[in-house]
Amino acid sequence: MTESSSTLMAVLFGLAVFALIVAVGWRSVQNRRILRLAAANGTETLIIAGEDDEVTSIATTAETSGQR
């Protein structure tokens, strides 16, 4: 195999692996459900669930105003 053909094969293999990773990642993002809950006191809760409604992460934030 010549150097140019092995380089071409390496580039094509790299592009195929990249495309596979992007396809798998895109599918997992498309099958995700996000629920946003905002409370009256300024706290916000995000619940992220997968396609089987299995909760993958929960984040709670609270905004504070600089006014007193």
C-alpha atoms as a PDB file:
ATOM      1  CA  MET A   1       0.000   0.000   0.000  1.00  0.00           C
ATOM      2  CA  THR A   2       1.397   3.395  -0.881  1.00  0.00           C
ATOM      3  CA  GLU A   3       1.652   6.238   1.561  1.00  0.00           C
ATOM      4  CA  SER A   4      -1.061   8.273  -0.172  1.00  0.00           C
ATOM      5  CA  SER A   5      -3.558   5.398  -0.182  1.00  0.00           C
ATOM      6  CA  SER A   6      -2.929   4.603   3.478  1.00  0.00           C
ATOM      7  CA  THR A   7      -3.403   8.292   4.325  1.00  0.00           C
ATOM      8  CA  LEU A   8      -6.684   8.344   2.392  1.00  0.00           C
ATOM      9  CA  MET A   9      -7.883   5.205   4.193  1.00  0.00           C
ATOM     10  CA  ALA A  10      -6.969   6.727   7.562  1.00  0.00           C
ATOM     11  CA  VAL A  11      -8.885   9.929   6.765  1.00  0.00           C
ATOM     12  CA  LEU A  12     -11.945   7.993   5.585  1.00  0.00           C
ATOM     13  CA  PHE A  13     -11.859   5.768   8.678  1.00  0.00           C
ATOM     14  CA  GLY A  14     -11.616   8.852  10.917  1.00  0.00           C
ATOM     15  CA  LEU A  15     -14.575  10.483   9.179  1.00  0.00           C
ATOM     16  CA  ALA A  16     -16.632   7.287   9.540  1.00  0.00           C
ATOM     17  CA  VAL A  17     -15.911   7.088  13.279  1.00  0.00           C
ATOM     18  CA  PHE A  18     -16.756  10.787  13.672  1.00  0.00           C
ATOM     19  CA  ALA A  19     -20.059  10.320  11.823  1.00  0.00           C
ATOM     20  CA  LEU A  20     -20.946   7.352  14.027  1.00  0.00           C
ATOM     21  CA  ILE A  21     -20.262   9.327  17.211  1.00  0.00           C
ATOM     22  CA  VAL A  22     -22.356  12.271  15.973  1.00  0.00           C
ATOM     23  CA  ALA A  23     -25.250   9.971  14.986  1.00  0.00           C
ATOM     24  CA  VAL A  24     -25.328   8.239  18.381  1.00  0.00           C
ATOM     25  CA  GLY A  25     -25.094  11.564  20.238  1.00  0.00           C
ATOM     26  CA  TRP A  26     -27.829  13.140  18.112  1.00  0.00           C
ATOM     27  CA  ARG A  27     -30.163  10.227  18.819  1.00  0.00           C
ATOM     28  CA  SER A  28     -29.636  10.483  22.567  1.00  0.00           C
ATOM     29  CA  VAL A  29     -30.286  14.244  22.525  1.00  0.00           C
ATOM     30  CA  GLN A  30     -33.461  13.857  20.466  1.00  0.00           C
ATOM     31  CA  ASN A  31     -34.885  11.262  22.872  1.00  0.00           C
ATOM     32  CA  ARG A  32     -34.385  13.397  25.972  1.00  0.00           C
ATOM     33  CA  ARG A  33     -37.180  15.086  27.908  1.00  0.00           C
ATOM     34  CA  ILE A  34     -36.570  18.261  29.890  1.00  0.00           C
ATOM     35  CA  LEU A  35     -38.982  19.521  32.551  1.00  0.00           C
ATOM     36  CA  ARG A  36     -38.459  23.012  33.965  1.00  0.00           C
ATOM     37  CA  LEU A  37     -40.141  23.972  37.230  1.00  0.00           C
ATOM     38  CA  ALA A  38     -40.015  27.540  38.549  1.00  0.00           C
ATOM     39  CA  ALA A  39     -41.120  28.387  42.070  1.00  0.00           C
ATOM     40  CA  ALA A  40     -42.415  31.727  43.367  1.00  0.00           C
ATOM     41  CA  ASN A  41     -39.337  32.205  45.565  1.00  0.00           C
ATOM     42  CA  GLY A  42     -36.987  32.292  42.557  1.00  0.00           C
ATOM     43  CA  THR A  43     -35.729  28.725  42.607  1.00  0.00           C
ATOM     44  CA  GLU A  44     -35.722  26.773  39.392  1.00  0.00           C
ATOM     45  CA  THR A  45     -35.497  22.995  39.005  1.00  0.00           C
ATOM     46  CA  LEU A  46     -34.557  21.207  35.787  1.00  0.00           C
ATOM     47  CA  ILE A  47     -35.320  17.491  35.470  1.00  0.00           C
ATOM     48  CA  ILE A  48     -33.765  15.679  32.501  1.00  0.00           C
ATOM     49  CA  ALA A  49     -35.084  12.225  31.600  1.00  0.00           C
ATOM     50  CA  GLY A  50     -34.113   9.739  28.904  1.00  0.00           C
ATOM     51  CA  GLU A  51     -36.384   8.017  26.412  1.00  0.00           C
ATOM     52  CA  ASP A  52     -37.582   5.474  29.006  1.00  0.00           C
ATOM     53  CA  ASP A  53     -38.475   8.298  31.444  1.00  0.00           C
ATOM     54  CA  GLU A  54     -35.444   7.371  33.498  1.00  0.00           C
ATOM     55  CA  VAL A  55     -34.220  10.518  35.254  1.00  0.00           C
ATOM     56  CA  THR A  56     -30.625  11.237  34.285  1.00  0.00           C
ATOM     57  CA  SER A  57     -30.022  14.490  36.154  1.00  0.00           C
ATOM     58  CA  ILE A  58     -31.698  17.074  38.382  1.00  0.00           C
ATOM     59  CA  ALA A  59     -30.394  20.603  38.892  1.00  0.00           C
ATOM     60  CA  THR A  60     -31.800  23.267  41.209  1.00  0.00           C
ATOM     61  CA  THR A  61     -30.747  26.898  41.011  1.00  0.00           C
ATOM     62  CA  ALA A  62     -31.697  29.988  42.957  1.00  0.00           C
ATOM     63  CA  GLU A  63     -31.308  33.534  41.692  1.00  0.00           C
ATOM     64  CA  THR A  64     -30.374  36.184  44.205  1.00  0.00           C
ATOM     65  CA  SER A  65     -30.921  39.863  43.573  1.00  0.00           C
ATOM     66  CA  GLY A  66     -28.332  42.328  44.702  1.00  0.00           C
ATOM     67  CA  GLN A  67     -31.000  44.641  46.159  1.00  0.00           C
ATOM     68  CA  ARG A  68     -31.772  44.855  49.868  1.00  0.00           C
END
